[in-house]
Amino acid sequence: MTYHIARNNQQLGTFLKDEVIARYNAGAILPTDLVWTEGMATWEPASKIFGAPAAPAVGDVSVPGSPPPVTGVAEPMMTVPPDVKPVKPGNNLIGAIIVTLLCCVPLGIVSIVFAAQVDGKYNKGDYAGAEDAAKKSKTFMWLSVVLGLVASVIIFAMSFAGALAQ
């Protein structure tokens, strides 16, 4: 199992469980550092995951003394208490279905696919993914409306021009 460690919104690295515990007990990972691993809904303080750090044995050279250099800025972390969920974004499914039937089928189908992903991502705790899917669904829905209107205007203009030619 791998653990992601972050401090001040900067990722310190990804470590195996034994390595994280050794670094934590050595003081390289602080009790206030945030920890996340697969299956966790939110980032939690290291002290909540690993308890109080154990003092390393005197002369123990197997414990690393410092964390690796920061390799880059971690993605923004959502710090939400475990009992509070952000508001679920609207999935735009009804609008996506309507524009698929009335305007532009290819873009409407893409909008339906993204709309269908919103609830699943939200229920798994991927709030940022749910927001992203909702935004993409809405974008493709409106693109479908615009493309459908443009196509309708072109068809009407060509029909009108054909009627005048006769």
C-alpha atoms as a PDB file:
ATOM      1  CA  MET A   1       0.000   0.000   0.000  1.00  0.00           C
ATOM      2  CA  THR A   2       1.371   3.435  -0.910  1.00  0.00           C
ATOM      3  CA  TYR A   3       0.811   6.622   1.047  1.00  0.00           C
ATOM      4  CA  HIS A   4       0.904  10.152  -0.384  1.00  0.00           C
ATOM      5  CA  ILE A   5       2.363  12.732   2.003  1.00  0.00           C
ATOM      6  CA  ALA A   6       1.890  16.513   1.691  1.00  0.00           C
ATOM      7  CA  ARG A   7       2.917  19.539   3.709  1.00  0.00           C
ATOM      8  CA  ASN A   8       1.677  23.090   3.034  1.00  0.00           C
ATOM      9  CA  ASN A   9      -0.094  21.928  -0.158  1.00  0.00           C
ATOM     10  CA  GLN A  10       3.181  20.580  -1.558  1.00  0.00           C
ATOM     11  CA  GLN A  11       3.594  16.876  -2.071  1.00  0.00           C
ATOM     12  CA  LEU A  12       6.586  15.371  -0.275  1.00  0.00           C
ATOM     13  CA  GLY A  13       6.281  12.074  -2.073  1.00  0.00           C
ATOM     14  CA  THR A  14       4.655   8.672  -2.275  1.00  0.00           C
ATOM     15  CA  PHE A  15       5.950   5.973   0.053  1.00  0.00           C
ATOM     16  CA  LEU A  16       5.317   2.385   1.012  1.00  0.00           C
ATOM     17  CA  LYS A  17       3.782   1.845   4.457  1.00  0.00           C
ATOM     18  CA  ASP A  18       6.999   0.708   6.167  1.00  0.00           C
ATOM     19  CA  GLU A  19       8.918   3.683   4.788  1.00  0.00           C
ATOM     20  CA  VAL A  20       6.216   6.149   5.866  1.00  0.00           C
ATOM     21  CA  ILE A  21       6.198   4.766   9.400  1.00  0.00           C
ATOM     22  CA  ALA A  22      10.015   4.910   9.589  1.00  0.00           C
ATOM     23  CA  ARG A  23      10.059   8.522   8.341  1.00  0.00           C
ATOM     24  CA  TYR A  24       7.215   9.434  10.709  1.00  0.00           C
ATOM     25  CA  ASN A  25       9.007   7.961  13.727  1.00  0.00           C
ATOM     26  CA  ALA A  26      12.229   9.745  12.684  1.00  0.00           C
ATOM     27  CA  GLY A  27      10.469  13.109  12.504  1.00  0.00           C
ATOM     28  CA  ALA A  28      10.849  13.545   8.743  1.00  0.00           C
ATOM     29  CA  ILE A  29       7.071  13.296   8.412  1.00  0.00           C
ATOM     30  CA  LEU A  30       5.366  15.558  10.939  1.00  0.00           C
ATOM     31  CA  PRO A  31       2.167  14.661  12.819  1.00  0.00           C
ATOM     32  CA  THR A  32       0.500  17.635  11.097  1.00  0.00           C
ATOM     33  CA  ASP A  33       1.493  16.517   7.577  1.00  0.00           C
ATOM     34  CA  LEU A  34      -1.422  15.288   5.492  1.00  0.00           C
ATOM     35  CA  VAL A  35      -1.675  11.643   4.437  1.00  0.00           C
ATOM     36  CA  TRP A  36      -3.823  10.026   1.767  1.00  0.00           C
ATOM     37  CA  THR A  37      -4.002   6.470   0.464  1.00  0.00           C
ATOM     38  CA  GLU A  38      -6.409   4.658  -1.801  1.00  0.00           C
ATOM     39  CA  GLY A  39      -9.756   4.166  -0.130  1.00  0.00           C
ATOM     40  CA  MET A  40      -9.615   7.351   1.956  1.00  0.00           C
ATOM     41  CA  ALA A  41     -12.221  10.010   1.172  1.00  0.00           C
ATOM     42  CA  THR A  42     -10.080  12.949   2.353  1.00  0.00           C
ATOM     43  CA  TRP A  43      -6.542  13.787   3.394  1.00  0.00           C
ATOM     44  CA  GLU A  44      -5.970  13.218   7.115  1.00  0.00           C
ATOM     45  CA  PRO A  45      -3.207  14.360   9.506  1.00  0.00           C
ATOM     46  CA  ALA A  46      -0.451  11.795   9.967  1.00  0.00           C
ATOM     47  CA  SER A  47      -1.121  11.709  13.723  1.00  0.00           C
ATOM     48  CA  LYS A  48      -4.665  10.499  13.055  1.00  0.00           C
ATOM     49  CA  ILE A  49      -3.446   7.714  10.745  1.00  0.00           C
ATOM     50  CA  PHE A  50      -0.284   6.571  12.571  1.00  0.00           C
ATOM     51  CA  GLY A  51      -0.850   7.744  16.177  1.00  0.00           C
ATOM     52  CA  ALA A  52       1.965   9.270  18.224  1.00  0.00           C
ATOM     53  CA  PRO A  53       5.437   8.884  16.679  1.00  0.00           C
ATOM     54  CA  ALA A  54       7.687   6.315  18.357  1.00  0.00           C
ATOM     55  CA  ALA A  55      11.171   7.416  19.367  1.00  0.00           C
ATOM     56  CA  PRO A  56      13.811   5.727  17.157  1.00  0.00           C
ATOM     57  CA  ALA A  57      16.337   3.476  18.829  1.00  0.00           C
ATOM     58  CA  VAL A  58      19.650   5.114  19.725  1.00  0.00           C
ATOM     59  CA  GLY A  59      22.169   4.568  16.957  1.00  0.00           C
ATOM     60  CA  ASP A  60      19.513   3.343  14.511  1.00  0.00           C
ATOM     61  CA  VAL A  61      20.931   4.293  11.119  1.00  0.00           C
ATOM     62  CA  SER A  62      18.259   2.522   9.071  1.00  0.00           C
ATOM     63  CA  VAL A  63      15.749   5.314   9.679  1.00  0.00           C
ATOM     64  CA  PRO A  64      15.968   7.983   6.983  1.00  0.00           C
ATOM     65  CA  GLY A  65      16.696  11.419   8.380  1.00  0.00           C
ATOM     66  CA  SER A  66      15.033  13.735   5.898  1.00  0.00           C
ATOM     67  CA  PRO A  67      12.266  13.638   3.336  1.00  0.00           C
ATOM     68  CA  PRO A  68      13.085  13.619  -0.352  1.00  0.00           C
ATOM     69  CA  PRO A  69      13.094  16.948  -2.165  1.00  0.00           C
ATOM     70  CA  VAL A  70       9.683  18.198  -3.190  1.00  0.00           C
ATOM     71  CA  THR A  71       9.077  17.110  -6.758  1.00  0.00           C
ATOM     72  CA  GLY A  72       6.328  19.597  -7.544  1.00  0.00           C
ATOM     73  CA  VAL A  73       3.183  21.171  -6.286  1.00  0.00           C
ATOM     74  CA  ALA A  74       0.433  18.741  -5.488  1.00  0.00           C
ATOM     75  CA  GLU A  75      -3.004  19.293  -6.914  1.00  0.00           C
ATOM     76  CA  PRO A  76      -5.196  21.389  -4.663  1.00  0.00           C
ATOM     77  CA  MET A  77      -6.494  19.249  -1.855  1.00  0.00           C
ATOM     78  CA  MET A  78     -10.047  19.485  -0.690  1.00  0.00           C
ATOM     79  CA  THR A  79     -10.004  19.762   3.065  1.00  0.00           C
ATOM     80  CA  VAL A  80     -13.503  18.839   4.126  1.00  0.00           C
ATOM     81  CA  PRO A  81     -14.378  17.350   7.474  1.00  0.00           C
ATOM     82  CA  PRO A  82     -15.323  13.671   7.035  1.00  0.00           C
ATOM     83  CA  ASP A  83     -18.935  14.245   8.091  1.00  0.00           C
ATOM     84  CA  VAL A  84     -19.527  17.177   5.699  1.00  0.00           C
ATOM     85  CA  LYS A  85     -19.836  16.660   1.951  1.00  0.00           C
ATOM     86  CA  PRO A  86     -19.701  19.459  -0.601  1.00  0.00           C
ATOM     87  CA  VAL A  87     -22.930  20.139  -2.458  1.00  0.00           C
ATOM     88  CA  LYS A  88     -23.368  17.694  -5.332  1.00  0.00           C
ATOM     89  CA  PRO A  89     -23.177  19.518  -8.668  1.00  0.00           C
ATOM     90  CA  GLY A  90     -26.116  19.236 -11.048  1.00  0.00           C
ATOM     91  CA  ASN A  91     -25.567  16.535 -13.633  1.00  0.00           C
ATOM     92  CA  ASN A  92     -27.460  18.230 -16.529  1.00  0.00           C
ATOM     93  CA  LEU A  93     -28.778  14.826 -17.651  1.00  0.00           C
ATOM     94  CA  ILE A  94     -32.251  16.002 -18.679  1.00  0.00           C
ATOM     95  CA  GLY A  95     -30.832  18.868 -20.748  1.00  0.00           C
ATOM     96  CA  ALA A  96     -28.289  16.526 -22.326  1.00  0.00           C
ATOM     97  CA  ILE A  97     -31.040  14.096 -23.361  1.00  0.00           C
ATOM     98  CA  ILE A  98     -33.215  16.886 -24.787  1.00  0.00           C
ATOM     99  CA  VAL A  99     -30.418  18.398 -26.882  1.00  0.00           C
ATOM    100  CA  THR A 100     -29.448  14.932 -28.088  1.00  0.00           C
ATOM    101  CA  LEU A 101     -32.979  14.357 -29.361  1.00  0.00           C
ATOM    102  CA  LEU A 102     -33.554  17.861 -30.758  1.00  0.00           C
ATOM    103  CA  CYS A 103     -30.236  19.399 -31.752  1.00  0.00           C
ATOM    104  CA  CYS A 104     -27.012  17.529 -32.314  1.00  0.00           C
ATOM    105  CA  VAL A 105     -26.738  13.813 -31.606  1.00  0.00           C
ATOM    106  CA  PRO A 106     -22.909  13.389 -31.424  1.00  0.00           C
ATOM    107  CA  LEU A 107     -22.277  16.223 -28.946  1.00  0.00           C
ATOM    108  CA  GLY A 108     -25.453  15.360 -27.047  1.00  0.00           C
ATOM    109  CA  ILE A 109     -24.215  11.813 -26.499  1.00  0.00           C
ATOM    110  CA  VAL A 110     -20.912  13.144 -25.141  1.00  0.00           C
ATOM    111  CA  SER A 111     -22.913  15.395 -22.808  1.00  0.00           C
ATOM    112  CA  ILE A 112     -24.972  12.407 -21.610  1.00  0.00           C
ATOM    113  CA  VAL A 113     -21.804  10.404 -20.892  1.00  0.00           C
ATOM    114  CA  PHE A 114     -20.330  13.176 -18.730  1.00  0.00           C
ATOM    115  CA  ALA A 115     -23.698  13.743 -17.011  1.00  0.00           C
ATOM    116  CA  ALA A 116     -23.855  10.056 -16.112  1.00  0.00           C
ATOM    117  CA  GLN A 117     -20.412  10.248 -14.456  1.00  0.00           C
ATOM    118  CA  VAL A 118     -21.332  13.020 -11.995  1.00  0.00           C
ATOM    119  CA  ASP A 119     -23.287  10.959  -9.446  1.00  0.00           C
ATOM    120  CA  GLY A 120     -20.817   8.062  -9.439  1.00  0.00           C
ATOM    121  CA  LYS A 121     -17.807  10.300  -8.861  1.00  0.00           C
ATOM    122  CA  TYR A 122     -19.588  12.253  -6.145  1.00  0.00           C
ATOM    123  CA  ASN A 123     -20.647   9.082  -4.317  1.00  0.00           C
ATOM    124  CA  LYS A 124     -17.055   7.773  -4.394  1.00  0.00           C
ATOM    125  CA  GLY A 125     -15.802  10.994  -2.794  1.00  0.00           C
ATOM    126  CA  ASP A 126     -14.209  12.375  -5.968  1.00  0.00           C
ATOM    127  CA  TYR A 127     -15.782  15.805  -5.574  1.00  0.00           C
ATOM    128  CA  ALA A 128     -13.401  17.557  -7.961  1.00  0.00           C
ATOM    129  CA  GLY A 129     -14.047  14.871 -10.593  1.00  0.00           C
ATOM    130  CA  ALA A 130     -17.803  15.279 -10.146  1.00  0.00           C
ATOM    131  CA  GLU A 131     -17.511  19.045 -10.633  1.00  0.00           C
ATOM    132  CA  ASP A 132     -15.352  18.544 -13.718  1.00  0.00           C
ATOM    133  CA  ALA A 133     -17.792  16.046 -15.252  1.00  0.00           C
ATOM    134  CA  ALA A 134     -20.711  18.417 -14.561  1.00  0.00           C
ATOM    135  CA  LYS A 135     -18.894  21.320 -16.254  1.00  0.00           C
ATOM    136  CA  LYS A 136     -18.031  19.178 -19.285  1.00  0.00           C
ATOM    137  CA  SER A 137     -21.606  17.929 -19.531  1.00  0.00           C
ATOM    138  CA  LYS A 138     -22.923  21.481 -19.501  1.00  0.00           C
ATOM    139  CA  THR A 139     -20.319  22.634 -22.047  1.00  0.00           C
ATOM    140  CA  PHE A 140     -21.158  19.868 -24.510  1.00  0.00           C
ATOM    141  CA  MET A 141     -24.871  20.438 -23.955  1.00  0.00           C
ATOM    142  CA  TRP A 142     -24.559  24.101 -24.942  1.00  0.00           C
ATOM    143  CA  LEU A 143     -22.256  23.273 -27.861  1.00  0.00           C
ATOM    144  CA  SER A 144     -24.937  20.897 -29.079  1.00  0.00           C
ATOM    145  CA  VAL A 145     -27.572  23.635 -28.827  1.00  0.00           C
ATOM    146  CA  VAL A 146     -25.406  26.117 -30.745  1.00  0.00           C
ATOM    147  CA  LEU A 147     -24.459  23.604 -33.437  1.00  0.00           C
ATOM    148  CA  GLY A 148     -28.113  22.559 -33.801  1.00  0.00           C
ATOM    149  CA  LEU A 149     -29.222  26.181 -34.191  1.00  0.00           C
ATOM    150  CA  VAL A 150     -26.477  26.929 -36.724  1.00  0.00           C
ATOM    151  CA  ALA A 151     -27.419  23.838 -38.724  1.00  0.00           C
ATOM    152  CA  SER A 152     -31.113  24.824 -38.616  1.00  0.00           C
ATOM    153  CA  VAL A 153     -30.351  28.337 -39.868  1.00  0.00           C
ATOM    154  CA  ILE A 154     -28.239  26.949 -42.731  1.00  0.00           C
ATOM    155  CA  ILE A 155     -30.930  24.443 -43.725  1.00  0.00           C
ATOM    156  CA  PHE A 156     -33.619  27.139 -43.565  1.00  0.00           C
ATOM    157  CA  ALA A 157     -31.501  29.517 -45.664  1.00  0.00           C
ATOM    158  CA  MET A 158     -30.830  26.842 -48.277  1.00  0.00           C
ATOM    159  CA  SER A 159     -34.532  25.895 -48.415  1.00  0.00           C
ATOM    160  CA  PHE A 160     -35.526  29.541 -48.745  1.00  0.00           C
ATOM    161  CA  ALA A 161     -32.944  30.092 -51.497  1.00  0.00           C
ATOM    162  CA  GLY A 162     -34.212  26.986 -53.295  1.00  0.00           C
ATOM    163  CA  ALA A 163     -37.807  28.193 -53.069  1.00  0.00           C
ATOM    164  CA  LEU A 164     -36.846  31.587 -54.512  1.00  0.00           C
ATOM    165  CA  ALA A 165     -34.988  29.933 -57.385  1.00  0.00           C
ATOM    166  CA  GLN A 166     -38.149  28.128 -58.502  1.00  0.00           C
END
